[in-house]
Structures are given as C-alpha cells and as structure tokens.
Amino acid sequence: MIKPADRLSHVSEYYFSQKLREVAAMKATGIEVINMGIGSPDLPPHSSVIQALNDCSSLDHTHGYQNYHGIPALRQAIAAFYKTNFQVSLNPEGEILPMMGSKEAIMHLSMAFLNPGDKVLIPNPGYPTYTSVTKLVNGDAVYYDLTAASGWLPDFDQLEEFASQGIKLMWINYPHMPTGAKASLAELKQLVRFAQKNDILLVNDNPYSFVLNDHPISLLSIEGAKSHCLELNSLSKSFNMAGWRVGMLCGAKEFLQSVIKVKSNMDSGMFLGIQEGAVAALQLGKDWFDRLNLIYQKRRKLVWQLADQLGVDYETDTSGMFVWAKLEEGMDAKAYVDQLLQEKHIFIAPGDIFGSNGKGYIRFSLCVKEEAIQEALQRIEEPYIYDSKKQLG
C-alpha cells in the first residue's frame, strides 16, 4: 500500500466535512435537519452580480485562462472599495491580489513565508484552517489565548513572551470568528506596533467586517502598517458569494510578489465571469449592507431566544454571522451537539473545534431562514416528534 505524505499525520479532516456527511445521511432518510452549524450564506447575491456573470458568460472570448493577478477592473474595484469603506489607499497595480477565497490565500501566504520549523501565532479559539495549513507546511503552531475575561482580545504580556522565542507570522481575525468579538482601532494599533517591534508578519483575516458591524476597520488604515501587515478580505460573507470563491489579499507590493510566486504555480486564474460579478458586488453601496444586516438582526434575536430556551449564556455586543454561547460548567460541547442533532434534529457547532479555549461553548449560525429558527424554537419548547411530511421553508 502506498503511504500518504508524513505531513498528513499532523492534520485531520475538517470537522464540518465529516459532520455534514452525517447530516446529509440523516436528510437522505427524510429527516429534516435544521442546519445552524456553518456560516454559508443562504441569501443570494445582488441581482446585478448575477447579471454581470450571465452577461460575461454569454460572450465567446470569456472562457479562456485569465491573468494570475486578476483583471484590472477587479483590482480597481477593490481599491475603490477599500478607499470608500476603510479610507485605505491601495495601488491596484501592486498592492492588491485577487484570490479564490481567503482560505486559498491562507495556504498561499503560508507557503510563501514559512520555512519548516517557523513559529506561527494562532488565536485560540480561532479558525481551524490557520492550524491545519501551518502544519501542512511544517510550521510550528503557537497558540495565544483569547478568553471571555479578556473580551476575546490578546494578552500582550503573553504575546511578548512568545515573541522572545522567535515568531515569523501571526494570524488575527477581527471581527472574530467564532466569538463575534470586535477589536477597536486602538487595540489594532497595539498589535501593529507589536508586529513591528518584533519583526513579525501580521495578517488580519477580515471577512466579517460588514456583518452586524457598524464600524468596519481595516488593519491597513493604521499608519505604517504596510511595513509588517497584510489583510485578507472576502466577498463570501458580506456579499453572499461563498460558493463563488472570491477573496483578496492586500498589502505591500513586496509581500504580494512573494505570494504570486506560489499562486501562479497553483491555479490558472479566476473565471472572467466571476471577476465581473465581483466588480458589480464591490460597487454596491451602504444600502446593500443595511438590508442584509436587517435580516441578520431579526435572525439573531430569534437565535438569542433559542439560546435562552437552551439555558446557555451569550454576549449581545458582537459582530459577524454567529452567536457564541457558553454551556453550563462541566458540559461537553461535542456530546451536547450530538444529542441535539439526534433528539431534535438541530445541528450547531461545538466550540471545541476552534481550540481548547472553545471548550464548553457552542456556536449558532445566522445563515438560517427565520421560519427554520422558529421551527427550532418549537422543537426545543415542546416534545418533538418527527413528521416526514413536514418540510421547512
């Protein structure tokens, strides 16, 4: 038998990849599972985005390979978007690199900057891909603590201790997933100064900046940040385009030139129609975000009711498309999630999958229609008997 590469012994299959197979198997038997586990927007993109894709796709010349750097119109649209929404000036010719989603960019960045054994600061709890990619490139994952007591913000004494051991790269993610915590401009400035002082590449993963967040902030808005900082952003969450796989990496030209060496050997450019759709999305104004957030506000209030029914605690001053909630002391989150799935056919995410500081927490997604959340409320409130004839909207 041919053995897989040793690097795979350090990573496991993504939790949601495994769990969604179980959910799919239940659905195949006719069980209507309410999936509140993942942050995949159920709402469509703006009609202008779909129209741009359709118009471009019907033209004969659009189906070939595309430029690895993205079309000029897309880079210009990203620059205009950053200027309008973050007051950040980016040069479309060198400081913007369109990506096939920010998940791809995490891998490309890691391959571009990490040698085997390089240490990487990773938030705990945080997005699991930071860890898995670090391990895949044989980097050394070093976890910095985020806790409820600190408002899910880093402890700089701990960061300085880690920095004294030599750190190459640090991931931050504000608004934070999974907790929804927000970082102020002052707190982000402190992180930039920390990176500059210790010669660390600081990367902010910023896909939730417009979801239930009144004050979007870019790390690159901080004076001098480009010397040591990069920022990822994505159209997945803010524009309901998760399956389109459109993201962006922004920062100094010198950093992006290293990343393009990896990217140009990994793909053959993004389909032109998708790029044109992304241009249309980036031109949408504040009204788009206001309408989207009104929907998420209504859903979040219902999820708070569901959390109340389940007897779990949660914060209300949060951003993003999740509700992060704490179970009673001593309860096992994965066992709790499995029981809820089997008994009530409701799927939520256990906090453990985001790191050891997620132990005892659960996460609800807001990517669920109101009627489905209402159904979940009824299933919790009353004895639930499965009815194979009942279909959720």
Protein backbone atom coordinates (compact mmCIF):
# COMPACT_ATOMS: atom_id res chain seq x y z
CA MET A 1 0.00 0.00 0.00
CA ILE A 2 1.34 3.44 -0.93
CA LYS A 3 1.59 5.58 2.20
CA PRO A 4 0.47 9.23 2.20
CA ALA A 5 2.91 12.01 2.94
CA ASP A 6 4.05 12.37 6.55
CA ARG A 7 2.56 15.89 6.70
CA LEU A 8 -0.93 14.38 6.70
CA SER A 9 -0.26 12.67 10.01
CA HIS A 10 -0.39 16.09 11.66
CA VAL A 11 -3.81 17.11 10.33
CA SER A 12 -7.27 15.58 10.26
CA GLU A 13 -10.26 16.02 8.00
CA TYR A 14 -12.07 19.31 8.60
CA TYR A 15 -14.78 18.83 11.25
CA PHE A 16 -17.56 20.20 9.08
CA SER A 17 -16.53 17.93 6.21
CA GLN A 18 -17.11 14.95 8.48
CA LYS A 19 -20.20 16.21 10.29
CA LEU A 20 -22.04 17.35 7.18
CA ARG A 21 -21.82 13.81 5.84
CA GLU A 22 -23.73 12.70 8.93
CA VAL A 23 -26.29 15.46 8.42
CA ALA A 24 -26.62 14.53 4.73
CA ALA A 25 -27.18 10.87 5.67
CA MET A 26 -29.97 11.88 8.03
CA LYS A 27 -31.56 14.04 5.33
CA ALA A 28 -31.33 11.15 2.87
CA THR A 29 -33.64 9.15 5.14
CA GLY A 30 -36.16 12.01 5.05
CA ILE A 31 -35.26 13.69 8.34
CA GLU A 32 -35.44 17.49 8.11
CA VAL A 33 -32.32 18.67 9.90
CA ILE A 34 -32.11 22.37 10.78
CA ASN A 35 -28.50 23.20 9.97
CA MET A 36 -27.27 26.02 12.19
CA GLY A 37 -23.70 24.82 12.12
CA ILE A 38 -21.89 26.53 9.26
CA GLY A 39 -21.56 30.11 8.07
CA SER A 40 -22.57 29.62 4.46
CA PRO A 41 -24.93 32.47 3.50
CA ASP A 42 -28.33 31.19 2.37
CA LEU A 43 -29.25 34.53 0.78
CA PRO A 44 -28.49 35.29 -2.89
CA PRO A 45 -26.06 37.89 -4.20
CA HIS A 46 -27.45 41.16 -5.55
CA SER A 47 -29.21 40.77 -8.92
CA SER A 48 -26.58 42.99 -10.58
CA VAL A 49 -23.90 40.49 -9.59
CA ILE A 50 -25.71 37.58 -11.21
CA GLN A 51 -26.48 39.70 -14.28
CA ALA A 52 -22.80 40.59 -14.69
CA LEU A 53 -21.88 36.90 -14.54
CA ASN A 54 -24.58 35.97 -17.07
CA ASP A 55 -23.68 38.75 -19.47
CA CYS A 56 -19.99 37.86 -19.43
CA SER A 57 -20.58 34.11 -19.67
CA SER A 58 -22.54 34.51 -22.91
CA LEU A 59 -19.56 36.05 -24.73
CA ASP A 60 -17.26 33.82 -26.76
CA HIS A 61 -13.96 35.30 -25.57
CA THR A 62 -14.52 34.87 -21.82
CA HIS A 63 -13.80 31.17 -21.36
CA GLY A 64 -10.01 31.04 -21.54
CA TYR A 65 -7.33 31.30 -18.89
CA GLN A 66 -7.16 34.58 -17.03
CA ASN A 67 -4.37 36.70 -15.61
CA TYR A 68 -2.98 35.43 -12.29
CA HIS A 69 -3.24 38.97 -10.89
CA GLY A 70 -6.94 39.34 -11.78
CA ILE A 71 -8.37 41.71 -14.35
CA PRO A 72 -7.56 45.43 -13.89
CA ALA A 73 -11.26 46.24 -13.36
CA LEU A 74 -11.42 43.92 -10.34
CA ARG A 75 -8.27 45.31 -8.75
CA GLN A 76 -9.54 48.84 -9.34
CA ALA A 77 -12.90 47.93 -7.79
CA ILE A 78 -11.16 46.50 -4.72
CA ALA A 79 -9.07 49.68 -4.41
CA ALA A 80 -12.18 51.85 -4.64
CA PHE A 81 -13.98 49.64 -2.11
CA TYR A 82 -11.13 49.96 0.40
CA LYS A 83 -10.95 53.71 -0.12
CA THR A 84 -14.71 54.20 0.35
CA ASN A 85 -15.24 51.85 3.26
CA PHE A 86 -11.92 51.85 5.12
CA GLN A 87 -10.27 55.11 3.98
CA VAL A 88 -7.30 52.99 2.86
CA SER A 89 -5.37 53.84 -0.31
CA LEU A 90 -4.16 50.80 -2.25
CA ASN A 91 -2.31 50.75 -5.56
CA PRO A 92 -4.25 48.42 -7.88
CA GLU A 93 -1.03 47.62 -9.75
CA GLY A 94 0.87 46.11 -6.86
CA GLU A 95 -0.93 46.16 -3.53
CA ILE A 96 -3.99 44.04 -4.40
CA LEU A 97 -4.06 40.37 -5.32
CA PRO A 98 -7.47 38.77 -6.02
CA MET A 99 -7.68 35.26 -4.58
CA MET A 100 -10.01 32.29 -4.97
CA GLY A 101 -11.37 32.87 -1.48
CA SER A 102 -9.41 33.75 1.64
CA LYS A 103 -8.96 30.05 2.52
CA GLU A 104 -6.74 29.68 -0.56
CA ALA A 105 -4.83 32.77 0.48
CA ILE A 106 -4.07 31.30 3.91
CA MET A 107 -2.31 28.40 2.21
CA HIS A 108 -0.51 30.59 -0.34
CA LEU A 109 0.69 33.01 2.34
CA SER A 110 1.97 30.18 4.49
CA MET A 111 3.80 28.56 1.59
CA ALA A 112 5.31 31.91 0.60
CA PHE A 113 6.66 32.89 4.02
CA LEU A 114 7.07 29.84 6.26
CA ASN A 115 10.03 27.50 6.37
CA PRO A 116 9.86 24.21 8.29
CA GLY A 117 10.01 24.96 12.00
CA ASP A 118 8.99 28.63 11.71
CA LYS A 119 6.70 29.62 14.56
CA VAL A 120 3.21 30.98 13.86
CA LEU A 121 0.97 32.71 16.41
CA ILE A 122 -2.59 31.39 16.09
CA PRO A 123 -5.65 32.55 18.06
CA ASN A 124 -7.25 30.11 20.49
CA PRO A 125 -10.14 29.90 19.76
CA GLY A 126 -9.85 30.64 16.06
CA TYR A 127 -10.40 29.47 12.51
CA PRO A 128 -9.08 25.86 12.34
CA THR A 129 -7.51 26.42 8.91
CA TYR A 130 -4.76 28.57 10.46
CA THR A 131 -3.58 25.49 12.34
CA SER A 132 -4.01 22.91 9.61
CA VAL A 133 -2.22 24.99 6.98
CA THR A 134 0.64 25.77 9.38
CA LYS A 135 1.08 22.05 9.98
CA LEU A 136 0.84 21.20 6.28
CA VAL A 137 3.83 23.46 5.55
CA ASN A 138 5.67 22.04 8.59
CA GLY A 139 5.44 25.24 10.58
CA ASP A 140 5.19 25.31 14.38
CA ALA A 141 1.77 26.42 15.66
CA VAL A 142 1.96 28.55 18.82
CA TYR A 143 -1.42 29.39 20.35
CA TYR A 144 -2.15 32.70 22.03
CA ASP A 145 -5.10 32.78 24.41
CA LEU A 146 -8.37 34.58 23.80
CA THR A 147 -10.82 34.33 26.68
CA ALA A 148 -14.13 35.79 27.74
CA ALA A 149 -12.37 37.55 30.61
CA SER A 150 -10.18 39.48 28.14
CA GLY A 151 -13.06 40.22 25.78
CA TRP A 152 -11.53 37.68 23.38
CA LEU A 153 -8.57 40.01 22.81
CA PRO A 154 -4.87 39.05 23.09
CA ASP A 155 -2.85 39.31 26.28
CA PHE A 156 0.20 41.35 25.24
CA ASP A 157 2.34 40.03 28.08
CA GLN A 158 1.80 36.54 26.69
CA LEU A 159 2.47 37.74 23.14
CA GLU A 160 5.78 39.32 24.18
CA GLU A 161 6.81 36.09 25.88
CA PHE A 162 6.12 34.16 22.68
CA ALA A 163 7.90 36.79 20.58
CA SER A 164 11.06 36.31 22.64
CA GLN A 165 11.15 32.73 21.32
CA GLY A 166 11.07 33.89 17.70
CA ILE A 167 7.82 34.26 15.72
CA LYS A 168 7.62 34.57 11.93
CA LEU A 169 3.90 35.14 11.32
CA MET A 170 0.80 35.96 13.37
CA TRP A 171 -2.87 35.50 12.46
CA ILE A 172 -5.57 37.80 13.81
CA ASN A 173 -9.23 37.86 12.86
CA TYR A 174 -11.42 40.81 13.88
CA PRO A 175 -14.38 40.83 13.92
CA HIS A 176 -13.51 37.49 15.45
CA MET A 177 -14.78 34.10 14.44
CA PRO A 178 -16.19 32.21 16.31
CA THR A 179 -16.90 34.63 19.19
CA GLY A 180 -18.00 37.75 17.29
CA ALA A 181 -15.67 39.94 19.39
CA LYS A 182 -14.64 43.30 17.95
CA ALA A 183 -11.27 45.00 18.20
CA SER A 184 -11.02 48.78 18.45
CA LEU A 185 -8.68 50.85 16.33
CA ALA A 186 -6.51 51.40 19.41
CA GLU A 187 -6.24 47.66 20.02
CA LEU A 188 -5.34 47.02 16.39
CA LYS A 189 -2.69 49.76 16.58
CA GLN A 190 -1.17 47.97 19.55
CA LEU A 191 -1.00 44.76 17.51
CA VAL A 192 0.68 46.57 14.61
CA ARG A 193 3.30 48.07 16.95
CA PHE A 194 3.90 44.61 18.45
CA ALA A 195 4.49 43.17 14.97
CA GLN A 196 6.84 45.98 14.00
CA LYS A 197 8.81 45.76 17.25
CA ASN A 198 9.30 42.01 16.90
CA ASP A 199 9.64 41.82 13.09
CA ILE A 200 6.55 39.61 12.67
CA LEU A 201 4.33 39.39 9.62
CA LEU A 202 0.86 40.22 10.98
CA VAL A 203 -2.11 39.08 8.89
CA ASN A 204 -5.69 40.19 9.61
CA ASP A 205 -8.37 37.89 8.22
CA ASN A 206 -11.27 40.32 7.81
CA PRO A 207 -14.28 38.66 6.09
CA TYR A 208 -16.88 39.68 8.71
CA SER A 209 -16.16 43.41 8.64
CA PHE A 210 -19.62 44.39 7.33
CA VAL A 211 -21.84 41.79 9.03
CA LEU A 212 -23.69 43.31 12.00
CA ASN A 213 -20.81 45.74 12.46
CA ASP A 214 -21.39 49.50 12.49
CA HIS A 215 -17.71 50.45 12.34
CA PRO A 216 -15.70 48.36 9.86
CA ILE A 217 -11.94 48.68 10.34
CA SER A 218 -9.05 47.66 8.14
CA LEU A 219 -5.70 46.90 9.72
CA LEU A 220 -4.12 48.75 6.78
CA SER A 221 -5.76 52.01 7.87
CA ILE A 222 -3.14 52.26 10.64
CA GLU A 223 -0.20 54.47 9.73
CA GLY A 224 2.87 52.43 8.83
CA ALA A 225 1.02 49.10 8.93
CA LYS A 226 2.08 48.06 5.43
CA SER A 227 5.65 47.53 6.64
CA HIS A 228 4.63 44.38 8.55
CA CYS A 229 0.94 43.74 7.84
CA LEU A 230 -1.29 42.12 5.26
CA GLU A 231 -5.07 41.85 5.16
CA LEU A 232 -7.37 39.22 3.74
CA ASN A 233 -10.93 40.02 2.81
CA SER A 234 -13.65 38.12 1.05
CA LEU A 235 -16.93 38.52 -0.81
CA SER A 236 -18.25 35.30 0.72
CA LYS A 237 -19.97 36.70 3.78
CA SER A 238 -20.65 40.36 3.03
CA PHE A 239 -21.98 39.75 -0.49
CA ASN A 240 -23.49 36.22 -0.20
CA MET A 241 -20.93 34.82 -2.64
CA ALA A 242 -19.34 31.99 -0.64
CA GLY A 243 -19.52 29.49 -3.49
CA TRP A 244 -18.08 31.96 -6.00
CA ARG A 245 -14.70 31.82 -4.21
CA VAL A 246 -13.64 35.44 -4.45
CA GLY A 247 -11.24 36.94 -1.94
CA MET A 248 -8.42 39.42 -1.89
CA LEU A 249 -5.03 39.88 -0.31
CA CYS A 250 -3.97 43.48 0.28
CA GLY A 251 -0.70 44.99 1.38
CA ALA A 252 2.79 45.96 0.31
CA LYS A 253 3.86 45.03 -3.21
CA GLU A 254 6.96 43.23 -1.92
CA PHE A 255 4.84 40.82 0.13
CA LEU A 256 2.39 40.16 -2.69
CA GLN A 257 5.20 39.43 -5.15
CA SER A 258 6.22 36.51 -2.93
CA VAL A 259 2.66 35.21 -2.79
CA ILE A 260 2.21 35.38 -6.58
CA LYS A 261 5.17 33.03 -6.96
CA VAL A 262 3.09 30.41 -5.18
CA LYS A 263 -0.30 31.31 -6.65
CA SER A 264 0.88 31.32 -10.26
CA ASN A 265 2.02 27.72 -9.82
CA MET A 266 -1.25 26.63 -8.19
CA ASP A 267 -4.05 27.93 -10.44
CA SER A 268 -4.67 29.37 -13.89
CA GLY A 269 -6.66 32.46 -12.98
CA MET A 270 -10.24 33.12 -11.91
CA PHE A 271 -13.07 32.73 -14.43
CA LEU A 272 -13.74 36.10 -16.06
CA GLY A 273 -17.49 36.00 -15.40
CA ILE A 274 -16.88 35.57 -11.68
CA GLN A 275 -14.49 38.52 -11.71
CA GLU A 276 -17.07 40.69 -13.46
CA GLY A 277 -19.65 39.63 -10.87
CA ALA A 278 -17.22 40.59 -8.12
CA VAL A 279 -16.75 44.03 -9.70
CA ALA A 280 -20.53 44.54 -9.61
CA ALA A 281 -20.70 43.44 -5.96
CA LEU A 282 -17.93 45.78 -4.85
CA GLN A 283 -19.79 48.71 -6.38
CA LEU A 284 -22.83 48.19 -4.13
CA GLY A 285 -23.32 50.88 -1.51
CA LYS A 286 -24.31 51.10 2.13
CA ASP A 287 -27.95 50.26 1.34
CA TRP A 288 -26.89 46.70 0.46
CA PHE A 289 -25.24 46.15 3.85
CA ASP A 290 -28.14 47.81 5.68
CA ARG A 291 -30.69 45.47 4.06
CA LEU A 292 -28.54 42.43 4.72
CA ASN A 293 -27.94 43.36 8.35
CA LEU A 294 -31.64 43.95 8.94
CA ILE A 295 -32.22 40.30 8.05
CA TYR A 296 -29.38 39.14 10.29
CA GLN A 297 -30.63 41.31 13.17
CA LYS A 298 -34.03 39.61 13.04
CA ARG A 299 -32.45 36.19 12.86
CA ARG A 300 -30.07 36.93 15.71
CA LYS A 301 -32.92 37.94 18.01
CA LEU A 302 -34.58 34.61 17.31
CA VAL A 303 -31.32 32.74 17.94
CA TRP A 304 -30.97 34.59 21.23
CA GLN A 305 -34.44 33.28 22.13
CA LEU A 306 -33.29 29.78 21.19
CA ALA A 307 -30.19 30.18 23.36
CA ASP A 308 -32.40 31.33 26.24
CA GLN A 309 -34.56 28.24 25.83
CA LEU A 310 -31.49 26.05 25.91
CA GLY A 311 -30.22 27.82 29.02
CA VAL A 312 -26.90 28.99 27.59
CA ASP A 313 -25.21 32.37 28.08
CA TYR A 314 -24.19 34.72 25.26
CA GLU A 315 -22.91 38.24 24.60
CA THR A 316 -25.04 40.72 22.63
CA ASP A 317 -22.40 43.30 21.66
CA THR A 318 -20.90 41.19 18.89
CA SER A 319 -20.44 41.19 15.10
CA GLY A 320 -20.45 38.56 12.39
CA MET A 321 -22.94 35.88 11.45
CA PHE A 322 -22.74 33.69 14.56
CA VAL A 323 -23.93 33.59 18.16
CA TRP A 324 -21.30 32.22 20.55
CA ALA A 325 -22.76 30.75 23.72
CA LYS A 326 -21.44 29.16 26.90
CA LEU A 327 -22.84 25.92 28.26
CA GLU A 328 -23.23 25.17 31.94
CA GLU A 329 -19.94 24.43 33.66
CA GLY A 330 -18.69 20.90 33.02
CA MET A 331 -20.86 20.17 29.99
CA ASP A 332 -19.21 18.54 26.99
CA ALA A 333 -19.91 20.61 23.86
CA LYS A 334 -19.48 17.82 21.31
CA ALA A 335 -21.73 15.47 23.28
CA TYR A 336 -24.28 18.27 23.65
CA VAL A 337 -24.22 18.97 19.90
CA ASP A 338 -24.60 15.28 19.06
CA GLN A 339 -27.54 14.91 21.44
CA LEU A 340 -29.28 17.97 19.99
CA LEU A 341 -28.78 16.61 16.48
CA GLN A 342 -30.10 13.15 17.30
CA GLU A 343 -33.02 14.17 19.53
CA LYS A 344 -34.16 17.47 17.99
CA HIS A 345 -32.56 17.25 14.53
CA ILE A 346 -30.86 20.61 15.05
CA PHE A 347 -27.19 20.94 14.12
CA ILE A 348 -24.96 23.54 15.78
CA ALA A 349 -21.17 23.69 16.11
CA PRO A 350 -19.24 22.71 19.24
CA GLY A 351 -16.74 25.29 20.42
CA ASP A 352 -14.01 22.69 20.92
CA ILE A 353 -13.29 22.56 17.18
CA PHE A 354 -11.98 26.14 17.31
CA GLY A 355 -9.41 25.43 20.02
CA SER A 356 -9.10 24.46 23.66
CA ASN A 357 -10.48 27.85 24.80
CA GLY A 358 -13.68 26.94 22.97
CA LYS A 359 -14.28 24.08 25.38
CA GLY A 360 -17.72 24.39 26.94
CA TYR A 361 -19.05 26.69 24.20
CA ILE A 362 -21.35 26.22 21.20
CA ARG A 363 -21.85 28.33 18.07
CA PHE A 364 -25.08 29.07 16.22
CA SER A 365 -25.03 30.26 12.59
CA LEU A 366 -27.34 33.04 11.41
CA CYS A 367 -27.37 31.58 7.87
CA VAL A 368 -30.78 30.07 8.52
CA LYS A 369 -34.17 31.37 7.45
CA GLU A 370 -36.44 32.79 10.16
CA GLU A 371 -39.04 30.07 9.74
CA ALA A 372 -36.39 27.42 10.34
CA ILE A 373 -35.26 29.15 13.55
CA GLN A 374 -38.92 29.38 14.62
CA GLU A 375 -39.20 25.65 13.98
CA ALA A 376 -36.10 25.06 16.12
CA LEU A 377 -37.71 27.09 18.90
CA GLN A 378 -40.80 24.91 18.72
CA ARG A 379 -38.74 21.72 18.77
CA ILE A 380 -36.98 22.86 21.95
CA GLU A 381 -40.11 24.23 23.64
CA GLU A 382 -42.33 21.22 23.03
CA PRO A 383 -41.81 17.47 22.78
CA TYR A 384 -40.57 16.98 19.22
CA ILE A 385 -41.95 14.15 17.08
CA TYR A 386 -40.52 13.86 13.61
CA ASP A 387 -43.09 14.34 10.82
CA SER A 388 -41.76 13.15 7.46
CA LYS A 389 -44.45 15.17 5.62
CA LYS A 390 -43.43 18.48 7.12
CA GLN A 391 -40.96 20.49 5.06
CA LEU A 392 -39.19 23.62 6.22
CA GLY A 393 -39.04 26.72 4.01
